[in-house]
């Protein structure tokens, strides 16, 4: 999960960081019947997230990427996250909206 914080308030950033910290233990060992490994979530400025993704071997191998949203956030959080993805993170990763 990626959560850009460029347009987030201090309270939103704190909530996002707590959410990511709670999920971190699931990245330490294989999960589920398929024993899948999860990468740690990324929360922070879009430029930093883009750097982390571009350095990740798995990201380098794909042509498409999908970003999921947490199920428990507030509507204002979704607006902030999606706005940052569309205006900051996407362009930092080379995405451009279709005119």
Protein backbone atom coordinates (compact mmCIF):
# COMPACT_ATOMS: atom_id res chain seq x y z
CA UNK A 1 0.00 0.00 0.00
CA UNK A 2 1.22 3.49 -0.77
CA UNK A 3 -0.10 6.52 1.05
CA UNK A 4 1.25 9.85 -0.20
CA UNK A 5 1.15 12.61 2.36
CA UNK A 6 1.88 15.73 0.29
CA UNK A 7 -1.53 17.28 0.96
CA UNK A 8 -2.22 15.55 4.28
CA UNK A 9 -2.80 17.39 7.53
CA UNK A 10 -0.65 16.58 10.56
CA UNK A 11 -3.52 14.52 12.00
CA UNK A 12 -3.89 12.56 8.77
CA UNK A 13 -0.14 11.87 8.60
CA UNK A 14 -0.16 10.60 12.19
CA UNK A 15 -3.17 8.35 11.46
CA UNK A 16 -1.56 6.99 8.28
CA UNK A 17 1.75 6.31 10.03
CA UNK A 18 -0.05 4.46 12.85
CA UNK A 19 -1.97 2.39 10.27
CA UNK A 20 1.25 1.45 8.46
CA UNK A 21 3.04 0.62 11.74
CA UNK A 22 0.19 -1.72 12.69
CA UNK A 23 0.52 -3.54 9.36
CA UNK A 24 4.34 -3.83 9.38
CA UNK A 25 4.55 -7.20 11.21
CA UNK A 26 2.80 -8.93 8.29
CA UNK A 27 5.85 -8.13 6.12
CA UNK A 28 8.28 -10.09 8.32
CA UNK A 29 7.12 -13.62 7.50
CA UNK A 30 5.25 -15.41 4.69
CA UNK A 31 1.46 -15.08 4.94
CA UNK A 32 -1.47 -17.32 4.05
CA UNK A 33 -1.72 -20.69 2.35
CA UNK A 34 0.44 -19.55 -0.57
CA UNK A 35 3.08 -18.22 1.84
CA UNK A 36 3.10 -14.85 0.08
CA UNK A 37 5.50 -12.15 1.21
CA UNK A 38 4.26 -8.57 1.44
CA UNK A 39 6.44 -5.52 0.95
CA UNK A 40 6.22 -2.88 3.68
CA UNK A 41 3.67 -0.13 3.07
CA UNK A 42 5.02 3.24 1.99
CA UNK A 43 3.76 6.42 3.63
CA UNK A 44 5.35 9.79 2.96
CA UNK A 45 5.88 12.44 0.30
CA UNK A 46 5.20 11.36 -3.29
CA UNK A 47 8.77 12.00 -4.43
CA UNK A 48 10.08 9.68 -1.71
CA UNK A 49 7.47 6.99 -2.52
CA UNK A 50 8.40 7.21 -6.22
CA UNK A 51 12.09 6.73 -5.35
CA UNK A 52 11.28 3.70 -3.21
CA UNK A 53 9.11 2.13 -5.90
CA UNK A 54 11.59 2.79 -8.70
CA UNK A 55 14.34 1.12 -6.65
CA UNK A 56 12.20 -1.98 -5.94
CA UNK A 57 13.09 -4.99 -8.14
CA UNK A 58 9.44 -6.06 -8.42
CA UNK A 59 8.30 -2.63 -9.53
CA UNK A 60 11.03 -2.56 -12.17
CA UNK A 61 9.58 -5.71 -13.76
CA UNK A 62 5.99 -4.55 -14.28
CA UNK A 63 4.24 -2.48 -16.93
CA UNK A 64 1.24 -1.56 -14.77
CA UNK A 65 0.65 -0.88 -11.11
CA UNK A 66 -2.57 -0.62 -9.10
CA UNK A 67 -2.84 1.20 -5.80
CA UNK A 68 -5.32 0.00 -3.18
CA UNK A 69 -6.93 2.18 -0.57
CA UNK A 70 -7.33 1.22 3.09
CA UNK A 71 -10.88 0.20 3.98
CA UNK A 72 -11.06 2.08 7.29
CA UNK A 73 -10.15 5.64 6.38
CA UNK A 74 -12.47 8.65 6.28
CA UNK A 75 -13.85 10.19 3.05
CA UNK A 76 -11.53 13.22 3.42
CA UNK A 77 -8.58 10.84 3.65
CA UNK A 78 -9.53 9.19 0.36
CA UNK A 79 -9.86 12.57 -1.34
CA UNK A 80 -6.42 13.61 -0.09
CA UNK A 81 -4.76 10.31 -1.04
CA UNK A 82 -6.34 10.14 -4.50
CA UNK A 83 -5.55 13.80 -5.18
CA UNK A 84 -1.91 13.25 -4.21
CA UNK A 85 -1.72 10.12 -6.37
CA UNK A 86 -3.22 11.92 -9.37
CA UNK A 87 -1.30 15.17 -9.04
CA UNK A 88 2.00 14.16 -7.42
CA UNK A 89 2.79 10.44 -7.25
CA UNK A 90 1.48 9.47 -10.68
CA UNK A 91 3.43 12.20 -12.48
CA UNK A 92 6.55 11.40 -10.40
CA UNK A 93 6.30 7.84 -11.76
CA UNK A 94 5.84 9.05 -15.35
CA UNK A 95 2.04 8.82 -15.56
CA UNK A 96 0.19 11.50 -17.51
CA UNK A 97 -3.57 11.91 -17.71
CA UNK A 98 -5.15 11.37 -21.09
CA UNK A 99 -6.23 14.75 -22.51
